[in-house]
Amino acid sequence: MWVKKNFSFMNIMRFTGWHILWITIYASSVTALHAIFHDYWIEIPWLPISIIGTAVAFYVGFKNNQSYDRMWEARKIWGAIVNSSRAWGAAINGFVSNQFTKEKYSAEELHSIRKNLIYRHIGWLYALRSQLLIPTSWEHTAQGGQIGKLNKRRQKRFGVGLLDDIETKSNLQCFLPTDEYDRLINYKNTATQIIDQQGRDLKDLRNKDLIDDFRHMELQQILYDFYVHQGKAERIKKFPLPRQYAFSSNIFVGIFIFLLPFGMVTEFHGMGAAGPWISIIFSVLISWVFVMMELVGDYSENPFEGLGNDIPMLSLCRVIEIDLREMLGETELPEPIPAVNGVLM
């Protein structure tokens, strides 16, 4: 997630510089052809081009709205994970007790049980984040050619590559017992199995009367909420913005940019000999605006891609980790995740 108020000129150039280059070359080529073959030039009126531009603007606006909805829904999901995680920590601290037991457990034993349940949940957070960062076929880093290479470089500078992304294995090893880690890490969906293990532990606690039926049901409800949050995040990750909408906007923007210099050179021809050459500036500017709108929507539709536009999952995981470990009375806590290169991951 970008956290700076404004983008620097260099950031904009890194994002759209290549497009400015080829748009300038194309617009200049059309103008040069107009100067050479002026007597044979077929003038294209501005009206049909402006109608196409208006239609494309509406379509790109629709796509950007849908992309923003996906990104904002992803943020709301992780906000719900934050809230449910805090509720889980508070419930574990308040519910697991000797109130219903015949054989009393020591304070150290109770603390160990609570710590195991809370630490396993922290491991679930990092496991879920790691699973959501696995590239899908439609995401930018999974593309072939220059697009894939460019976005892998962006990922190193403005994405998960900002930090050595070994959070899953290192944190799971910290928060899960060794035998449990060796078993859970080999599942296809580790996050799901971690929650299932939580449910098994709650059943054991109920059998030992460390929680009663009501408390068991309440804790199971929170686990169900975690499944709901995970499922919603996986839906966004594994179901793309329908490609017929996403790809069509690329075609429409391309058609508009192709026609634009022909209409602009015709419009500016009446301004004298320098008019057609001045049209290059406006052709490039208008084309860049449309390309920029298209790219913003295109890079916002995948909020779990590992690029600078992502939801800051690592930062949220660390926030939850700090909160839950403080609930356990711990004082040696990790630092919050800092923003690097203007991006909070």
Protein backbone atom coordinates (compact mmCIF):
# COMPACT_ATOMS: atom_id res chain seq x y z
CA MET A 1 0.00 0.00 0.00
CA TRP A 2 1.38 3.38 -0.97
CA VAL A 3 1.52 5.60 2.09
CA LYS A 4 2.95 8.82 0.67
CA LYS A 5 0.45 11.57 -0.09
CA ASN A 6 1.88 12.22 -3.55
CA PHE A 7 3.85 10.28 -6.13
CA SER A 8 7.21 11.64 -7.18
CA PHE A 9 7.95 12.44 -10.80
CA MET A 10 10.34 9.49 -10.95
CA ASN A 11 7.67 7.12 -9.63
CA ILE A 12 5.29 8.28 -12.33
CA MET A 13 7.97 7.81 -14.97
CA ARG A 14 8.72 4.30 -13.71
CA PHE A 15 5.03 3.49 -13.92
CA THR A 16 4.20 5.07 -17.30
CA GLY A 17 7.50 6.20 -18.82
CA TRP A 18 7.61 3.44 -21.42
CA HIS A 19 4.09 4.30 -22.54
CA ILE A 20 4.97 7.97 -22.93
CA LEU A 21 7.87 6.96 -25.15
CA TRP A 22 5.93 4.82 -27.60
CA ILE A 23 2.97 7.23 -27.64
CA THR A 24 5.34 10.08 -28.55
CA ILE A 25 6.97 8.03 -31.29
CA TYR A 26 3.59 7.05 -32.72
CA ALA A 27 2.10 10.56 -32.63
CA SER A 28 5.26 12.01 -34.19
CA SER A 29 5.17 9.38 -36.95
CA VAL A 30 1.57 10.26 -37.84
CA THR A 31 2.45 13.95 -37.94
CA ALA A 32 5.51 13.28 -40.12
CA LEU A 33 3.41 11.26 -42.55
CA HIS A 34 0.91 14.10 -42.65
CA ALA A 35 3.70 16.55 -43.52
CA ILE A 36 5.06 14.28 -46.27
CA PHE A 37 1.78 13.16 -47.82
CA HIS A 38 -0.30 16.23 -47.07
CA ASP A 39 -1.76 16.44 -50.57
CA TYR A 40 -3.02 12.86 -50.33
CA TRP A 41 -4.04 12.95 -46.66
CA ILE A 42 -7.54 11.85 -45.76
CA GLU A 43 -8.74 14.17 -43.04
CA ILE A 44 -10.55 12.46 -40.17
CA PRO A 45 -13.13 14.73 -38.47
CA TRP A 46 -12.85 15.17 -34.72
CA LEU A 47 -16.48 14.30 -33.89
CA PRO A 48 -16.33 10.48 -34.27
CA ILE A 49 -13.02 10.36 -32.38
CA SER A 50 -14.45 12.42 -29.54
CA ILE A 51 -17.47 10.10 -29.35
CA ILE A 52 -15.16 7.09 -29.14
CA GLY A 53 -13.09 8.86 -26.46
CA THR A 54 -16.19 9.57 -24.38
CA ALA A 55 -17.34 5.95 -24.62
CA VAL A 56 -13.89 4.66 -23.67
CA ALA A 57 -13.74 7.04 -20.71
CA PHE A 58 -17.06 5.69 -19.39
CA TYR A 59 -15.89 2.11 -19.88
CA VAL A 60 -12.54 2.67 -18.18
CA GLY A 61 -14.37 4.44 -15.34
CA PHE A 62 -16.61 1.39 -14.90
CA LYS A 63 -13.58 -0.91 -14.78
CA ASN A 64 -11.80 1.32 -12.27
CA ASN A 65 -14.87 1.34 -10.02
CA GLN A 66 -14.92 -2.45 -10.01
CA SER A 67 -11.17 -2.60 -9.35
CA TYR A 68 -11.53 -0.22 -6.41
CA ASP A 69 -14.41 -2.31 -5.04
CA ARG A 70 -12.21 -5.41 -5.07
CA MET A 71 -9.37 -3.58 -3.34
CA TRP A 72 -11.63 -1.99 -0.72
CA GLU A 73 -13.41 -5.29 -0.03
CA ALA A 74 -10.00 -6.91 0.53
CA ARG A 75 -9.14 -4.20 3.05
CA LYS A 76 -12.47 -4.69 4.83
CA ILE A 77 -11.81 -8.42 5.04
CA TRP A 78 -8.47 -7.83 6.72
CA GLY A 79 -10.05 -5.26 8.99
CA ALA A 80 -12.52 -7.95 10.06
CA ILE A 81 -9.61 -10.35 10.62
CA VAL A 82 -8.04 -7.76 12.95
CA ASN A 83 -11.27 -7.41 14.94
CA SER A 84 -11.96 -11.16 15.15
CA SER A 85 -8.35 -11.84 16.15
CA ARG A 86 -8.58 -9.44 19.07
CA ALA A 87 -11.88 -11.04 20.07
CA TRP A 88 -10.19 -14.46 19.93
CA GLY A 89 -7.37 -13.35 22.22
CA ALA A 90 -9.76 -11.77 24.73
CA ALA A 91 -12.05 -14.82 24.69
CA ILE A 92 -9.20 -17.27 25.21
CA ASN A 93 -7.89 -15.24 28.13
CA GLY A 94 -11.33 -14.93 29.70
CA PHE A 95 -12.84 -18.35 28.95
CA VAL A 96 -10.04 -20.86 29.62
CA SER A 97 -10.06 -21.22 33.39
CA ASN A 98 -10.55 -23.55 36.35
CA GLN A 99 -14.14 -22.43 36.84
CA PHE A 100 -15.68 -25.73 35.71
CA THR A 101 -12.84 -28.20 36.39
CA LYS A 102 -12.77 -30.75 39.17
CA GLU A 103 -9.00 -31.00 39.09
CA LYS A 104 -7.48 -27.53 39.22
CA TYR A 105 -4.75 -26.55 36.79
CA SER A 106 -1.87 -24.33 37.83
CA ALA A 107 -1.56 -20.78 36.55
CA GLU A 108 1.43 -21.85 34.45
CA GLU A 109 -0.55 -24.67 32.84
CA LEU A 110 -3.45 -22.39 32.01
CA HIS A 111 -1.08 -19.80 30.56
CA SER A 112 0.55 -22.49 28.42
CA ILE A 113 -2.85 -23.56 27.02
CA ARG A 114 -3.83 -19.97 26.24
CA LYS A 115 -0.46 -19.26 24.68
CA ASN A 116 -0.71 -22.32 22.46
CA LEU A 117 -4.13 -21.27 21.12
CA ILE A 118 -3.12 -17.65 20.58
CA TYR A 119 0.24 -18.46 19.04
CA ARG A 120 -1.36 -20.92 16.63
CA HIS A 121 -3.72 -18.19 15.53
CA ILE A 122 -0.79 -15.86 14.83
CA GLY A 123 0.68 -18.64 12.71
CA TRP A 124 -2.64 -18.80 10.81
CA LEU A 125 -2.32 -15.11 9.96
CA TYR A 126 1.09 -15.52 8.36
CA ALA A 127 0.06 -18.74 6.61
CA LEU A 128 -3.01 -17.05 5.11
CA ARG A 129 -0.92 -14.09 3.93
CA SER A 130 1.58 -16.41 2.26
CA GLN A 131 -1.16 -18.35 0.48
CA LEU A 132 -2.76 -15.17 -0.81
CA LEU A 133 0.58 -14.07 -2.31
CA ILE A 134 0.91 -17.15 -4.54
CA PRO A 135 0.71 -15.74 -8.10
CA THR A 136 -2.27 -16.59 -10.29
CA SER A 137 -2.16 -16.82 -14.07
CA TRP A 138 -3.84 -13.44 -14.63
CA GLU A 139 -1.65 -11.40 -12.26
CA HIS A 140 1.10 -9.20 -13.62
CA THR A 141 4.07 -11.03 -12.15
CA ALA A 142 2.88 -14.28 -13.77
CA GLN A 143 2.85 -12.80 -17.28
CA GLY A 144 5.51 -13.65 -19.81
CA GLY A 145 7.82 -11.33 -21.71
CA GLN A 146 8.61 -7.78 -20.68
CA ILE A 147 5.44 -7.32 -18.60
CA GLY A 148 6.37 -10.17 -16.27
CA LYS A 149 10.01 -9.07 -15.99
CA LEU A 150 9.03 -5.46 -15.37
CA ASN A 151 6.62 -6.37 -12.58
CA LYS A 152 9.06 -8.74 -10.94
CA ARG A 153 11.47 -5.81 -10.75
CA ARG A 154 8.66 -3.65 -9.35
CA GLN A 155 7.92 -6.37 -6.81
CA LYS A 156 11.50 -6.24 -5.56
CA ARG A 157 11.48 -2.46 -5.29
CA PHE A 158 7.90 -1.71 -4.27
CA GLY A 159 6.46 -5.07 -3.22
CA VAL A 160 7.13 -8.17 -1.16
CA GLY A 161 10.77 -7.97 -2.21
CA LEU A 162 11.15 -4.96 0.09
CA LEU A 163 11.75 -7.48 2.85
CA ASP A 164 13.22 -10.96 2.68
CA ASP A 165 9.85 -12.62 2.46
CA ILE A 166 10.42 -15.65 4.65
CA GLU A 167 7.67 -14.71 7.08
CA THR A 168 5.61 -17.87 6.64
CA LYS A 169 8.22 -20.47 7.47
CA SER A 170 10.01 -18.43 10.13
CA ASN A 171 6.82 -17.35 11.88
CA LEU A 172 5.10 -20.71 11.66
CA GLN A 173 8.14 -22.30 13.25
CA CYS A 174 8.00 -19.69 16.01
CA PHE A 175 4.28 -20.04 16.68
CA LEU A 176 3.66 -23.76 16.17
CA PRO A 177 5.18 -26.74 17.98
CA THR A 178 7.77 -28.55 15.87
CA ASP A 179 5.71 -31.72 15.33
CA GLU A 180 2.63 -29.67 14.53
CA TYR A 181 4.55 -27.46 12.11
CA ASP A 182 5.98 -30.48 10.25
CA ARG A 183 2.47 -31.86 9.81
CA LEU A 184 0.55 -28.67 8.95
CA ILE A 185 3.07 -27.15 6.54
CA ASN A 186 2.63 -30.09 4.15
CA TYR A 187 -1.11 -29.56 3.65
CA LYS A 188 -2.29 -27.94 0.41
CA ASN A 189 -4.18 -25.35 2.46
CA THR A 190 -2.19 -24.89 5.66
CA ALA A 191 -4.34 -22.00 6.91
CA THR A 192 -7.50 -24.12 6.79
CA GLN A 193 -5.85 -26.97 8.69
CA ILE A 194 -4.54 -24.61 11.37
CA ILE A 195 -8.10 -23.51 12.15
CA ASP A 196 -9.20 -27.14 12.15
CA GLN A 197 -6.47 -27.87 14.71
CA GLN A 198 -7.80 -25.02 16.83
CA GLY A 199 -11.21 -26.70 16.79
CA ARG A 200 -9.68 -30.01 17.88
CA ASP A 201 -7.97 -28.29 20.79
CA LEU A 202 -11.23 -26.64 21.84
CA LYS A 203 -12.87 -30.07 21.89
CA ASP A 204 -10.12 -31.34 24.19
CA LEU A 205 -10.57 -28.32 26.45
CA ARG A 206 -14.30 -29.06 26.65
CA ASN A 207 -13.60 -32.69 27.54
CA LYS A 208 -11.32 -31.48 30.33
CA ASP A 209 -13.99 -28.98 31.51
CA LEU A 210 -11.63 -26.05 30.98
CA ILE A 211 -14.51 -24.49 29.05
CA ASP A 212 -18.23 -25.17 29.27
CA ASP A 213 -20.66 -25.75 26.39
CA PHE A 214 -21.53 -22.08 26.02
CA ARG A 215 -17.90 -20.98 25.91
CA HIS A 216 -17.09 -23.80 23.53
CA MET A 217 -19.82 -22.61 21.16
CA GLU A 218 -18.65 -19.00 21.39
CA LEU A 219 -15.06 -19.91 20.58
CA GLN A 220 -16.20 -22.15 17.71
CA GLN A 221 -18.17 -19.21 16.34
CA ILE A 222 -15.01 -17.11 16.24
CA LEU A 223 -13.25 -19.94 14.39
CA TYR A 224 -16.15 -19.96 11.94
CA ASP A 225 -15.64 -16.22 11.46
CA PHE A 226 -12.01 -16.89 10.57
CA TYR A 227 -13.13 -19.41 7.96
CA VAL A 228 -15.52 -16.80 6.55
CA HIS A 229 -12.78 -14.15 6.35
CA GLN A 230 -10.38 -16.62 4.74
CA GLY A 231 -12.99 -17.70 2.21
CA LYS A 232 -13.78 -14.11 1.23
CA ALA A 233 -10.10 -13.34 0.70
CA GLU A 234 -9.62 -16.51 -1.34
CA ARG A 235 -12.61 -15.56 -3.50
CA ILE A 236 -10.96 -12.28 -4.47
CA LYS A 237 -7.61 -14.00 -5.01
CA LYS A 238 -8.89 -16.90 -7.07
CA PHE A 239 -11.67 -15.21 -9.04
CA PRO A 240 -10.34 -12.38 -11.23
CA LEU A 241 -12.14 -9.31 -12.44
CA PRO A 242 -13.95 -10.94 -15.41
CA ARG A 243 -11.42 -10.90 -18.21
CA GLN A 244 -13.98 -9.88 -20.82
CA TYR A 245 -14.30 -6.57 -18.96
CA ALA A 246 -10.65 -6.18 -18.02
CA PHE A 247 -9.18 -7.00 -21.43
CA SER A 248 -11.78 -5.14 -23.48
CA SER A 249 -10.76 -1.84 -21.92
CA ASN A 250 -7.19 -2.43 -23.16
CA ILE A 251 -8.52 -2.83 -26.70
CA PHE A 252 -10.77 0.22 -26.50
CA VAL A 253 -8.00 2.45 -25.12
CA GLY A 254 -5.69 1.17 -27.85
CA ILE A 255 -8.22 1.98 -30.59
CA PHE A 256 -8.71 5.48 -29.22
CA ILE A 257 -4.97 6.15 -29.01
CA PHE A 258 -4.55 4.84 -32.57
CA LEU A 259 -7.17 7.25 -33.95
CA LEU A 260 -6.34 10.25 -31.78
CA PRO A 261 -3.27 11.62 -33.67
CA PHE A 262 -5.18 11.50 -36.98
CA GLY A 263 -7.92 13.67 -35.56
CA MET A 264 -5.54 16.00 -33.73
CA VAL A 265 -3.34 16.66 -36.76
CA THR A 266 -6.45 17.50 -38.78
CA GLU A 267 -7.69 19.89 -36.09
CA PHE A 268 -4.35 21.69 -35.73
CA HIS A 269 -3.64 21.88 -39.46
CA GLY A 270 -5.53 25.15 -39.71
CA MET A 271 -3.14 26.85 -37.27
CA GLY A 272 -0.38 27.11 -39.83
CA ALA A 273 2.75 25.16 -40.65
CA ALA A 274 3.63 24.54 -36.98
CA GLY A 275 0.08 23.48 -36.06
CA PRO A 276 0.37 19.75 -36.88
CA TRP A 277 3.63 19.53 -34.88
CA ILE A 278 2.01 21.23 -31.89
CA SER A 279 -0.71 18.55 -32.05
CA ILE A 280 1.89 15.99 -30.96
CA ILE A 281 1.94 17.51 -27.46
CA PHE A 282 -1.81 17.24 -27.05
CA SER A 283 -1.97 13.76 -28.58
CA VAL A 284 0.65 12.52 -26.12
CA LEU A 285 -1.00 14.24 -23.16
CA ILE A 286 -4.50 12.93 -23.88
CA SER A 287 -3.21 9.42 -24.67
CA TRP A 288 -1.16 9.40 -21.46
CA VAL A 289 -4.23 10.30 -19.39
CA PHE A 290 -6.18 7.37 -20.84
CA VAL A 291 -3.25 5.00 -20.41
CA MET A 292 -2.79 6.16 -16.82
CA MET A 293 -6.48 5.55 -16.04
CA GLU A 294 -6.26 2.10 -17.58
CA LEU A 295 -3.11 1.18 -15.65
CA VAL A 296 -4.49 2.41 -12.32
CA GLY A 297 -7.51 0.16 -12.71
CA ASP A 298 -5.44 -2.73 -14.04
CA TYR A 299 -3.03 -2.70 -11.09
CA SER A 300 -5.77 -2.19 -8.49
CA GLU A 301 -7.89 -5.21 -9.37
CA ASN A 302 -5.52 -7.71 -7.68
CA PRO A 303 -5.08 -6.62 -4.03
CA PHE A 304 -3.05 -9.73 -3.08
CA GLU A 305 -0.45 -9.56 -5.86
CA GLY A 306 2.63 -8.62 -3.87
CA LEU A 307 3.06 -5.21 -5.54
CA GLY A 308 2.89 -1.68 -4.17
CA ASN A 309 -0.89 -1.45 -4.59
CA ASP A 310 -1.51 -4.41 -2.28
CA ILE A 311 -3.36 -4.52 0.99
CA PRO A 312 -0.66 -4.23 3.72
CA MET A 313 -1.14 -7.77 4.99
CA LEU A 314 2.29 -8.10 6.58
CA SER A 315 1.80 -4.90 8.54
CA LEU A 316 -1.66 -6.03 9.71
CA CYS A 317 -0.30 -9.43 10.72
CA ARG A 318 2.36 -7.73 12.81
CA VAL A 319 -0.23 -5.41 14.42
CA ILE A 320 -2.36 -8.40 15.42
CA GLU A 321 0.70 -10.30 16.64
CA ILE A 322 1.70 -7.43 18.92
CA ASP A 323 -1.85 -7.07 20.30
CA LEU A 324 -2.26 -10.77 21.05
CA ARG A 325 1.15 -11.19 22.61
CA GLU A 326 0.49 -8.20 24.85
CA MET A 327 -2.74 -9.93 25.93
CA LEU A 328 -0.51 -12.79 27.10
CA GLY A 329 1.51 -10.33 29.17
CA GLU A 330 4.61 -10.45 26.98
CA THR A 331 6.86 -7.41 26.86
CA GLU A 332 9.54 -8.43 24.34
CA LEU A 333 7.59 -7.65 21.21
CA PRO A 334 8.56 -7.17 17.54
CA GLU A 335 8.50 -3.71 16.02
CA PRO A 336 5.68 -2.67 13.68
CA ILE A 337 6.44 -3.13 9.99
CA PRO A 338 7.85 0.14 8.57
CA ALA A 339 7.11 1.59 5.15
CA VAL A 340 9.99 1.18 2.68
CA ASN A 341 10.29 3.22 -0.53
CA GLY A 342 6.92 4.74 0.27
CA VAL A 343 5.19 1.35 0.43
CA LEU A 344 3.76 -0.44 3.46
CA MET A 345 3.54 -4.19 2.95
